Amino acid sequence: MWTLLIVLLVIWLGLSVLGFVVKGLLWLAVLGIVLFLATLVFGFLRRGRSKV
């Protein structure tokens, strides 16, 4: 589970960087940031729930 979350975070971060580097792909950067944050929140929620 944690491996999948880390892989997704790396992919979203890569999409964000690609979106900022390539002009005209700002939408890709925004999408990457949103997905990165959503994955982080999901990971923290799953981690908090599994300890109980």
PDB file of N, CA and C in Angstrom:
ATOM      1  N   MET A   1       0.824  -1.197   0.000  1.00  0.00           N
ATOM      2  CA  MET A   1       0.000   0.000   0.000  1.00  0.00           C
ATOM      3  C   MET A   1       0.863   1.254   0.000  1.00  0.00           C
ATOM      4  N   TRP A   2       1.869   1.278   0.893  1.00  0.00           N
ATOM      5  CA  TRP A   2       2.727   2.465   0.971  1.00  0.00           C
ATOM      6  C   TRP A   2       3.559   2.640  -0.294  1.00  0.00           C
ATOM      7  N   THR A   3       3.948   1.534  -0.891  1.00  0.00           N
ATOM      8  CA  THR A   3       4.715   1.619  -2.136  1.00  0.00           C
ATOM      9  C   THR A   3       3.881   2.270  -3.234  1.00  0.00           C
ATOM     10  N   LEU A   4       2.631   1.883  -3.320  1.00  0.00           N
ATOM     11  CA  LEU A   4       1.738   2.468  -4.319  1.00  0.00           C
ATOM     12  C   LEU A   4       1.567   3.967  -4.090  1.00  0.00           C
ATOM     13  N   LEU A   5       1.394   4.373  -2.835  1.00  0.00           N
ATOM     14  CA  LEU A   5       1.241   5.800  -2.538  1.00  0.00           C
ATOM     15  C   LEU A   5       2.497   6.583  -2.904  1.00  0.00           C
ATOM     16  N   ILE A   6       3.648   6.037  -2.614  1.00  0.00           N
ATOM     17  CA  ILE A   6       4.904   6.724  -2.941  1.00  0.00           C
ATOM     18  C   ILE A   6       5.072   6.836  -4.449  1.00  0.00           C
ATOM     19  N   VAL A   7       4.752   5.771  -5.166  1.00  0.00           N
ATOM     20  CA  VAL A   7       4.847   5.800  -6.631  1.00  0.00           C
ATOM     21  C   VAL A   7       3.901   6.847  -7.203  1.00  0.00           C
ATOM     22  N   LEU A   8       2.672   6.902  -6.689  1.00  0.00           N
ATOM     23  CA  LEU A   8       1.717   7.906  -7.164  1.00  0.00           C
ATOM     24  C   LEU A   8       2.200   9.319  -6.869  1.00  0.00           C
ATOM     25  N   LEU A   9       2.760   9.532  -5.685  1.00  0.00           N
ATOM     26  CA  LEU A   9       3.274  10.860  -5.349  1.00  0.00           C
ATOM     27  C   LEU A   9       4.393  11.279  -6.299  1.00  0.00           C
ATOM     28  N   VAL A  10       5.268  10.349  -6.634  1.00  0.00           N
ATOM     29  CA  VAL A  10       6.362  10.659  -7.565  1.00  0.00           C
ATOM     30  C   VAL A  10       5.807  10.979  -8.954  1.00  0.00           C
ATOM     31  N   ILE A  11       4.805  10.224  -9.387  1.00  0.00           N
ATOM     32  CA  ILE A  11       4.206  10.474 -10.704  1.00  0.00           C
ATOM     33  C   ILE A  11       3.542  11.844 -10.736  1.00  0.00           C
ATOM     34  N   TRP A  12       2.769  12.176  -9.699  1.00  0.00           N
ATOM     35  CA  TRP A  12       2.087  13.473  -9.664  1.00  0.00           C
ATOM     36  C   TRP A  12       3.091  14.613  -9.614  1.00  0.00           C
ATOM     37  N   LEU A  13       4.171  14.428  -8.854  1.00  0.00           N
ATOM     38  CA  LEU A  13       5.203  15.455  -8.787  1.00  0.00           C
ATOM     39  C   LEU A  13       5.868  15.647 -10.151  1.00  0.00           C
ATOM     40  N   GLY A  14       6.118  14.554 -10.841  1.00  0.00           N
ATOM     41  CA  GLY A  14       6.704  14.633 -12.189  1.00  0.00           C
ATOM     42  C   GLY A  14       5.787  15.346 -13.165  1.00  0.00           C
ATOM     43  N   LEU A  15       4.487  15.063 -13.092  1.00  0.00           N
ATOM     44  CA  LEU A  15       3.540  15.752 -13.972  1.00  0.00           C
ATOM     45  C   LEU A  15       3.497  17.238 -13.679  1.00  0.00           C
ATOM     46  N   SER A  16       3.584  17.592 -12.404  1.00  0.00           N
ATOM     47  CA  SER A  16       3.577  19.011 -12.042  1.00  0.00           C
ATOM     48  C   SER A  16       4.795  19.728 -12.603  1.00  0.00           C
ATOM     49  N   VAL A  17       5.945  19.136 -12.440  1.00  0.00           N
ATOM     50  CA  VAL A  17       7.180  19.749 -12.952  1.00  0.00           C
ATOM     51  C   VAL A  17       7.115  19.854 -14.472  1.00  0.00           C
ATOM     52  N   LEU A  18       6.648  18.812 -15.134  1.00  0.00           N
ATOM     53  CA  LEU A  18       6.529  18.836 -16.592  1.00  0.00           C
ATOM     54  C   LEU A  18       5.574  19.939 -17.041  1.00  0.00           C
ATOM     55  N   GLY A  19       4.485  20.102 -16.307  1.00  0.00           N
ATOM     56  CA  GLY A  19       3.523  21.145 -16.652  1.00  0.00           C
ATOM     57  C   GLY A  19       4.092  22.545 -16.510  1.00  0.00           C
ATOM     58  N   PHE A  20       4.949  22.760 -15.510  1.00  0.00           N
ATOM     59  CA  PHE A  20       5.558  24.078 -15.340  1.00  0.00           C
ATOM     60  C   PHE A  20       6.691  24.317 -16.338  1.00  0.00           C
ATOM     61  N   VAL A  21       7.394  23.259 -16.744  1.00  0.00           N
ATOM     62  CA  VAL A  21       8.529  23.408 -17.652  1.00  0.00           C
ATOM     63  C   VAL A  21       8.049  23.674 -19.084  1.00  0.00           C
ATOM     64  N   VAL A  22       7.055  22.924 -19.527  1.00  0.00           N
ATOM     65  CA  VAL A  22       6.562  23.060 -20.894  1.00  0.00           C
ATOM     66  C   VAL A  22       5.477  24.135 -20.919  1.00  0.00           C
ATOM     67  N   LYS A  23       5.726  25.177 -21.681  1.00  0.00           N
ATOM     68  CA  LYS A  23       4.746  26.260 -21.772  1.00  0.00           C
ATOM     69  C   LYS A  23       3.470  25.734 -22.426  1.00  0.00           C
ATOM     70  N   GLY A  24       2.358  26.180 -21.931  1.00  0.00           N
ATOM     71  CA  GLY A  24       1.079  25.744 -22.470  1.00  0.00           C
ATOM     72  C   GLY A  24       0.504  24.531 -21.767  1.00  0.00           C
ATOM     73  N   LEU A  25       1.269  23.947 -20.849  1.00  0.00           N
ATOM     74  CA  LEU A  25       0.766  22.793 -20.121  1.00  0.00           C
ATOM     75  C   LEU A  25       0.547  23.130 -18.648  1.00  0.00           C
ATOM     76  N   LEU A  26       0.137  24.350 -18.400  1.00  0.00           N
ATOM     77  CA  LEU A  26      -0.112  24.764 -17.022  1.00  0.00           C
ATOM     78  C   LEU A  26      -1.232  23.940 -16.400  1.00  0.00           C
ATOM     79  N   TRP A  27      -2.203  23.521 -17.210  1.00  0.00           N
ATOM     80  CA  TRP A  27      -3.287  22.681 -16.702  1.00  0.00           C
ATOM     81  C   TRP A  27      -2.747  21.368 -16.157  1.00  0.00           C
ATOM     82  N   LEU A  28      -1.682  20.854 -16.784  1.00  0.00           N
ATOM     83  CA  LEU A  28      -1.070  19.603 -16.319  1.00  0.00           C
ATOM     84  C   LEU A  28      -0.404  19.810 -14.968  1.00  0.00           C
ATOM     85  N   ALA A  29       0.207  20.974 -14.778  1.00  0.00           N
ATOM     86  CA  ALA A  29       0.833  21.287 -13.491  1.00  0.00           C
ATOM     87  C   ALA A  29      -0.224  21.382 -12.398  1.00  0.00           C
ATOM     88  N   VAL A  30      -1.324  22.052 -12.698  1.00  0.00           N
ATOM     89  CA  VAL A  30      -2.397  22.187 -11.714  1.00  0.00           C
ATOM     90  C   VAL A  30      -2.990  20.819 -11.379  1.00  0.00           C
ATOM     91  N   LEU A  31      -3.210  20.001 -12.386  1.00  0.00           N
ATOM     92  CA  LEU A  31      -3.736  18.657 -12.166  1.00  0.00           C
ATOM     93  C   LEU A  31      -2.775  17.829 -11.319  1.00  0.00           C
ATOM     94  N   GLY A  32      -1.484  17.920 -11.613  1.00  0.00           N
ATOM     95  CA  GLY A  32      -0.483  17.188 -10.847  1.00  0.00           C
ATOM     96  C   GLY A  32      -0.455  17.611  -9.388  1.00  0.00           C
ATOM     97  N   ILE A  33      -0.562  18.912  -9.137  1.00  0.00           N
ATOM     98  CA  ILE A  33      -0.556  19.411  -7.754  1.00  0.00           C
ATOM     99  C   ILE A  33      -1.806  18.932  -7.011  1.00  0.00           C
ATOM    100  N   VAL A  34      -2.955  19.005  -7.655  1.00  0.00           N
ATOM    101  CA  VAL A  34      -4.198  18.567  -7.016  1.00  0.00           C
ATOM    102  C   VAL A  34      -4.142  17.075  -6.695  1.00  0.00           C
ATOM    103  N   LEU A  35      -3.680  16.269  -7.632  1.00  0.00           N
ATOM    104  CA  LEU A  35      -3.587  14.834  -7.395  1.00  0.00           C
ATOM    105  C   LEU A  35      -2.541  14.507  -6.336  1.00  0.00           C
ATOM    106  N   PHE A  36      -1.437  15.252  -6.307  1.00  0.00           N
ATOM    107  CA  PHE A  36      -0.402  15.061  -5.293  1.00  0.00           C
ATOM    108  C   PHE A  36      -0.985  15.314  -3.904  1.00  0.00           C
ATOM    109  N   LEU A  37      -1.689  16.423  -3.743  1.00  0.00           N
ATOM    110  CA  LEU A  37      -2.284  16.753  -2.444  1.00  0.00           C
ATOM    111  C   LEU A  37      -3.362  15.747  -2.050  1.00  0.00           C
ATOM    112  N   ALA A  38      -4.170  15.316  -3.008  1.00  0.00           N
ATOM    113  CA  ALA A  38      -5.210  14.329  -2.711  1.00  0.00           C
ATOM    114  C   ALA A  38      -4.600  13.006  -2.267  1.00  0.00           C
ATOM    115  N   THR A  39      -3.516  12.598  -2.892  1.00  0.00           N
ATOM    116  CA  THR A  39      -2.848  11.363  -2.514  1.00  0.00           C
ATOM    117  C   THR A  39      -2.234  11.483  -1.124  1.00  0.00           C
ATOM    118  N   LEU A  40      -1.656  12.638  -0.814  1.00  0.00           N
ATOM    119  CA  LEU A  40      -1.110  12.854   0.525  1.00  0.00           C
ATOM    120  C   LEU A  40      -2.203  12.760   1.588  1.00  0.00           C
ATOM    121  N   VAL A  41      -3.322  13.420   1.349  1.00  0.00           N
ATOM    122  CA  VAL A  41      -4.428  13.382   2.311  1.00  0.00           C
ATOM    123  C   VAL A  41      -4.934  11.949   2.470  1.00  0.00           C
ATOM    124  N   PHE A  42      -5.097  11.248   1.375  1.00  0.00           N
ATOM    125  CA  PHE A  42      -5.542   9.859   1.426  1.00  0.00           C
ATOM    126  C   PHE A  42      -4.569   8.997   2.230  1.00  0.00           C
ATOM    127  N   GLY A  43      -3.281   9.203   2.006  1.00  0.00           N
ATOM    128  CA  GLY A  43      -2.271   8.435   2.738  1.00  0.00           C
ATOM    129  C   GLY A  43      -2.300   8.722   4.223  1.00  0.00           C
ATOM    130  N   PHE A  44      -2.444   9.986   4.592  1.00  0.00           N
ATOM    131  CA  PHE A  44      -2.504  10.334   6.014  1.00  0.00           C
ATOM    132  C   PHE A  44      -3.762   9.777   6.669  1.00  0.00           C
ATOM    133  N   LEU A  45      -4.881   9.806   5.960  1.00  0.00           N
ATOM    134  CA  LEU A  45      -6.120   9.264   6.510  1.00  0.00           C
ATOM    135  C   LEU A  45      -6.025   7.755   6.696  1.00  0.00           C
ATOM    136  N   ARG A  46      -5.448   7.074   5.728  1.00  0.00           N
ATOM    137  CA  ARG A  46      -5.285   5.618   5.838  1.00  0.00           C
ATOM    138  C   ARG A  46      -4.322   5.256   6.957  1.00  0.00           C
ATOM    139  N   ARG A  47      -3.258   6.035   7.110  1.00  0.00           N
ATOM    140  CA  ARG A  47      -2.282   5.770   8.166  1.00  0.00           C
ATOM    141  C   ARG A  47      -2.897   5.970   9.535  1.00  0.00           C
ATOM    142  N   GLY A  48      -3.658   7.023   9.698  1.00  0.00           N
ATOM    143  CA  GLY A  48      -4.297   7.315  10.977  1.00  0.00           C
ATOM    144  C   GLY A  48      -5.338   6.267  11.337  1.00  0.00           C
ATOM    145  N   ARG A  49      -6.036   5.754  10.359  1.00  0.00           N
ATOM    146  CA  ARG A  49      -7.080   4.771  10.608  1.00  0.00           C
ATOM    147  C   ARG A  49      -6.492   3.393  10.900  1.00  0.00           C
ATOM    148  N   SER A  50      -5.359   3.050  10.296  1.00  0.00           N
ATOM    149  CA  SER A  50      -4.791   1.723  10.492  1.00  0.00           C
ATOM    150  C   SER A  50      -4.166   1.546  11.864  1.00  0.00           C
ATOM    151  N   LYS A  51      -3.800   2.635  12.541  1.00  0.00           N
ATOM    152  CA  LYS A  51      -3.195   2.532  13.876  1.00  0.00           C
ATOM    153  C   LYS A  51      -4.225   2.233  14.950  1.00  0.00           C
ATOM    154  N   VAL A  52      -5.490   2.528  14.681  1.00  0.00           N
ATOM    155  CA  VAL A  52      -6.537   2.348  15.701  1.00  0.00           C
ATOM    156  C   VAL A  52      -6.972   0.920  15.766  1.00  0.00           C
TER     157      VAL A  52
END
